[in-house]
């Protein structure tokens, strides 16, 4: 189970994905990088965010990140990491 940095009242009204993102941000603010990325791997990031990570960190980093890549594959095609987009 991942460490939670949010109180229950801070989670109220957020979607499950929103909770993952908020927990990731809270872990980042607590300088807990490992937990920050663990929460982020649970979240579904939008395709454009994944594309940004490809351009900034590289395709291999994205492949090995553990992030959910299906939004980008659906928008840009299954081979989006290998193509210039």
N, C-alpha and C. Protein backbone atom coordinates (compact mmCIF):
# COMPACT_ATOMS: atom_id res chain seq x y z
N UNK A 1 0.84 -1.18 0.00
CA UNK A 1 0.00 0.00 0.00
C UNK A 1 0.89 1.25 0.00
N UNK A 2 0.53 2.20 -0.79
CA UNK A 2 1.31 3.43 -0.90
C UNK A 2 1.02 4.38 0.26
N UNK A 3 2.03 5.10 0.65
CA UNK A 3 1.86 6.10 1.68
C UNK A 3 0.98 7.22 1.16
N UNK A 4 0.01 7.61 1.97
CA UNK A 4 -0.88 8.70 1.61
C UNK A 4 -0.47 9.96 2.34
N UNK A 5 -0.42 11.04 1.59
CA UNK A 5 -0.11 12.35 2.16
C UNK A 5 -1.35 13.23 2.28
N UNK A 6 -2.46 12.76 1.78
CA UNK A 6 -3.69 13.56 1.81
C UNK A 6 -4.61 13.12 2.93
N UNK A 7 -5.27 14.10 3.52
CA UNK A 7 -6.33 13.79 4.48
C UNK A 7 -7.58 13.38 3.70
N UNK A 8 -8.47 12.70 4.34
CA UNK A 8 -9.71 12.27 3.68
C UNK A 8 -10.48 13.45 3.11
N UNK A 9 -10.52 14.56 3.85
CA UNK A 9 -11.28 15.72 3.37
C UNK A 9 -10.64 16.34 2.12
N UNK A 10 -9.35 16.13 1.91
CA UNK A 10 -8.69 16.64 0.72
C UNK A 10 -9.01 15.79 -0.51
N UNK A 11 -9.45 14.58 -0.28
CA UNK A 11 -9.80 13.67 -1.37
C UNK A 11 -11.26 13.82 -1.81
N UNK A 12 -12.07 14.42 -0.96
CA UNK A 12 -13.49 14.55 -1.23
C UNK A 12 -13.72 15.32 -2.53
N UNK A 13 -14.54 14.73 -3.39
CA UNK A 13 -14.90 15.37 -4.64
C UNK A 13 -13.94 15.09 -5.79
N UNK A 14 -12.83 14.43 -5.51
CA UNK A 14 -11.88 14.10 -6.57
C UNK A 14 -12.21 12.74 -7.18
N UNK A 15 -11.98 12.62 -8.46
CA UNK A 15 -12.08 11.31 -9.11
C UNK A 15 -10.93 10.43 -8.60
N UNK A 16 -10.98 9.15 -8.89
CA UNK A 16 -9.90 8.27 -8.49
C UNK A 16 -8.58 8.73 -9.12
N UNK A 17 -8.63 9.09 -10.39
CA UNK A 17 -7.43 9.58 -11.06
C UNK A 17 -6.95 10.89 -10.44
N UNK A 18 -7.87 11.74 -10.06
CA UNK A 18 -7.52 12.98 -9.39
C UNK A 18 -6.84 12.75 -8.06
N UNK A 19 -7.30 11.74 -7.34
CA UNK A 19 -6.65 11.38 -6.07
C UNK A 19 -5.22 10.93 -6.32
N UNK A 20 -5.01 10.10 -7.34
CA UNK A 20 -3.65 9.64 -7.66
C UNK A 20 -2.74 10.83 -7.95
N UNK A 21 -3.23 11.76 -8.74
CA UNK A 21 -2.42 12.93 -9.11
C UNK A 21 -2.17 13.82 -7.90
N UNK A 22 -3.19 14.03 -7.08
CA UNK A 22 -3.02 14.86 -5.88
C UNK A 22 -2.07 14.20 -4.89
N UNK A 23 -2.15 12.89 -4.73
CA UNK A 23 -1.22 12.17 -3.86
C UNK A 23 0.21 12.29 -4.39
N UNK A 24 0.37 12.20 -5.70
CA UNK A 24 1.69 12.33 -6.31
C UNK A 24 2.27 13.72 -6.02
N UNK A 25 1.44 14.74 -6.19
CA UNK A 25 1.89 16.10 -5.91
C UNK A 25 2.24 16.29 -4.44
N UNK A 26 1.43 15.74 -3.57
CA UNK A 26 1.68 15.87 -2.14
C UNK A 26 2.97 15.14 -1.75
N UNK A 27 3.22 13.99 -2.33
CA UNK A 27 4.47 13.27 -2.07
C UNK A 27 5.66 14.07 -2.57
N UNK A 28 5.50 14.69 -3.73
CA UNK A 28 6.56 15.55 -4.27
C UNK A 28 6.88 16.69 -3.31
N UNK A 29 5.85 17.32 -2.79
CA UNK A 29 6.02 18.43 -1.85
C UNK A 29 6.68 17.98 -0.55
N UNK A 30 6.53 16.68 -0.23
CA UNK A 30 7.15 16.11 0.97
C UNK A 30 8.54 15.55 0.66
N UNK A 31 9.03 15.77 -0.56
CA UNK A 31 10.34 15.26 -1.01
C UNK A 31 10.43 13.74 -0.95
N UNK A 32 9.31 13.07 -1.20
CA UNK A 32 9.26 11.61 -1.25
C UNK A 32 9.13 11.19 -2.71
N UNK A 33 10.24 11.20 -3.42
CA UNK A 33 10.24 10.95 -4.86
C UNK A 33 9.73 9.56 -5.20
N UNK A 34 10.10 8.58 -4.43
CA UNK A 34 9.67 7.21 -4.71
C UNK A 34 8.15 7.10 -4.67
N UNK A 35 7.54 7.66 -3.65
CA UNK A 35 6.08 7.61 -3.53
C UNK A 35 5.42 8.50 -4.57
N UNK A 36 6.04 9.63 -4.87
CA UNK A 36 5.52 10.52 -5.92
C UNK A 36 5.34 9.76 -7.23
N UNK A 37 6.38 9.05 -7.65
CA UNK A 37 6.31 8.31 -8.92
C UNK A 37 5.40 7.10 -8.83
N UNK A 38 5.33 6.47 -7.67
CA UNK A 38 4.43 5.33 -7.50
C UNK A 38 2.97 5.75 -7.70
N UNK A 39 2.60 6.90 -7.12
CA UNK A 39 1.23 7.41 -7.32
C UNK A 39 1.02 7.80 -8.77
N UNK A 40 2.02 8.42 -9.38
CA UNK A 40 1.89 8.86 -10.77
C UNK A 40 1.71 7.67 -11.71
N UNK A 41 2.36 6.55 -11.41
CA UNK A 41 2.20 5.35 -12.25
C UNK A 41 0.79 4.78 -12.17
N UNK A 42 0.06 5.07 -11.11
CA UNK A 42 -1.32 4.62 -11.00
C UNK A 42 -2.28 5.50 -11.80
N UNK A 43 -1.88 6.73 -12.04
CA UNK A 43 -2.74 7.69 -12.74
C UNK A 43 -2.72 7.45 -14.24
N UNK A 44 -3.79 7.88 -14.88
CA UNK A 44 -3.85 7.87 -16.34
C UNK A 44 -3.57 9.30 -16.79
N UNK A 45 -2.40 9.48 -17.39
CA UNK A 45 -2.01 10.80 -17.86
C UNK A 45 -2.54 11.03 -19.26
N UNK A 46 -2.85 12.27 -19.61
CA UNK A 46 -3.32 12.55 -20.96
C UNK A 46 -2.21 12.32 -21.98
N UNK A 47 -2.63 12.04 -23.21
CA UNK A 47 -1.68 11.73 -24.28
C UNK A 47 -0.63 12.82 -24.45
N UNK A 48 -1.03 14.08 -24.38
CA UNK A 48 -0.06 15.16 -24.59
C UNK A 48 0.99 15.22 -23.48
N UNK A 49 0.65 14.80 -22.29
CA UNK A 49 1.62 14.76 -21.20
C UNK A 49 2.64 13.64 -21.43
N UNK A 50 2.16 12.52 -21.92
CA UNK A 50 3.06 11.42 -22.24
C UNK A 50 3.99 11.79 -23.39
N UNK A 51 3.45 12.50 -24.37
CA UNK A 51 4.27 12.96 -25.48
C UNK A 51 5.34 13.93 -25.00
N UNK A 52 4.98 14.81 -24.08
CA UNK A 52 5.96 15.72 -23.51
C UNK A 52 7.08 14.94 -22.83
N UNK A 53 6.74 13.90 -22.07
CA UNK A 53 7.75 13.09 -21.40
C UNK A 53 8.66 12.40 -22.42
N UNK A 54 8.08 11.95 -23.53
CA UNK A 54 8.89 11.35 -24.58
C UNK A 54 9.92 12.34 -25.09
N UNK A 55 9.49 13.57 -25.34
CA UNK A 55 10.40 14.59 -25.88
C UNK A 55 11.42 15.05 -24.84
N UNK A 56 11.05 15.08 -23.59
CA UNK A 56 11.96 15.60 -22.57
C UNK A 56 12.88 14.54 -21.97
N UNK A 57 12.39 13.31 -21.85
CA UNK A 57 13.18 12.26 -21.20
C UNK A 57 13.59 11.14 -22.14
N UNK A 58 12.94 11.05 -23.29
CA UNK A 58 13.29 10.02 -24.26
C UNK A 58 12.32 8.85 -24.24
N UNK A 59 12.22 8.20 -25.39
CA UNK A 59 11.28 7.10 -25.56
C UNK A 59 11.61 5.92 -24.64
N UNK A 60 12.88 5.60 -24.49
CA UNK A 60 13.24 4.47 -23.63
C UNK A 60 12.87 4.74 -22.18
N UNK A 61 13.05 5.98 -21.73
CA UNK A 61 12.67 6.32 -20.37
C UNK A 61 11.17 6.11 -20.19
N UNK A 62 10.40 6.57 -21.16
CA UNK A 62 8.94 6.42 -21.07
C UNK A 62 8.57 4.94 -21.06
N UNK A 63 9.18 4.16 -21.92
CA UNK A 63 8.89 2.71 -21.96
C UNK A 63 9.15 2.06 -20.61
N UNK A 64 10.21 2.46 -19.95
CA UNK A 64 10.62 1.83 -18.69
C UNK A 64 10.02 2.49 -17.45
N UNK A 65 9.23 3.52 -17.63
CA UNK A 65 8.71 4.31 -16.50
C UNK A 65 7.63 3.61 -15.70
N UNK A 66 6.92 2.70 -16.33
CA UNK A 66 5.79 2.07 -15.65
C UNK A 66 4.51 2.88 -15.77
N UNK A 67 4.57 4.00 -16.48
CA UNK A 67 3.38 4.81 -16.67
C UNK A 67 2.41 4.11 -17.62
N UNK A 68 1.15 4.43 -17.49
CA UNK A 68 0.13 3.88 -18.38
C UNK A 68 0.19 4.63 -19.72
N UNK A 69 0.54 3.92 -20.76
CA UNK A 69 0.82 4.54 -22.05
C UNK A 69 -0.36 4.50 -23.03
N UNK A 70 -1.43 3.84 -22.67
CA UNK A 70 -2.54 3.65 -23.61
C UNK A 70 -3.17 4.95 -24.12
N UNK A 71 -3.24 6.05 -23.34
CA UNK A 71 -3.83 7.26 -23.92
C UNK A 71 -3.04 7.76 -25.14
N UNK A 72 -1.73 7.71 -25.07
CA UNK A 72 -0.91 8.16 -26.20
C UNK A 72 -1.00 7.19 -27.36
N UNK A 73 -1.04 5.90 -27.06
CA UNK A 73 -1.17 4.90 -28.13
C UNK A 73 -2.49 5.06 -28.87
N UNK A 74 -3.55 5.38 -28.13
CA UNK A 74 -4.86 5.58 -28.76
C UNK A 74 -4.88 6.84 -29.62
N UNK A 75 -4.20 7.89 -29.18
CA UNK A 75 -4.22 9.15 -29.91
C UNK A 75 -3.21 9.19 -31.06
N UNK A 76 -2.00 8.67 -30.82
CA UNK A 76 -0.92 8.82 -31.79
C UNK A 76 -0.58 7.54 -32.55
N UNK A 77 -1.16 6.42 -32.14
CA UNK A 77 -0.87 5.14 -32.77
C UNK A 77 0.02 4.29 -31.88
N UNK A 78 -0.06 2.99 -32.07
CA UNK A 78 0.66 2.04 -31.21
C UNK A 78 2.17 2.26 -31.22
N UNK A 79 2.70 2.79 -32.32
CA UNK A 79 4.15 2.97 -32.44
C UNK A 79 4.60 4.40 -32.15
N UNK A 80 3.82 5.13 -31.37
CA UNK A 80 4.08 6.54 -31.11
C UNK A 80 5.46 6.79 -30.50
N UNK A 81 5.97 5.84 -29.72
CA UNK A 81 7.28 6.04 -29.11
C UNK A 81 8.41 5.92 -30.13
N UNK A 82 8.16 5.23 -31.23
CA UNK A 82 9.19 5.02 -32.24
C UNK A 82 9.11 6.01 -33.39
N UNK A 83 8.06 6.79 -33.45
CA UNK A 83 7.87 7.73 -34.56
C UNK A 83 8.10 9.17 -34.11
N UNK A 84 8.44 10.02 -35.07
CA UNK A 84 8.56 11.45 -34.80
C UNK A 84 7.16 12.06 -34.79
N UNK A 85 6.76 12.50 -33.64
CA UNK A 85 5.44 13.12 -33.49
C UNK A 85 5.65 14.48 -32.86
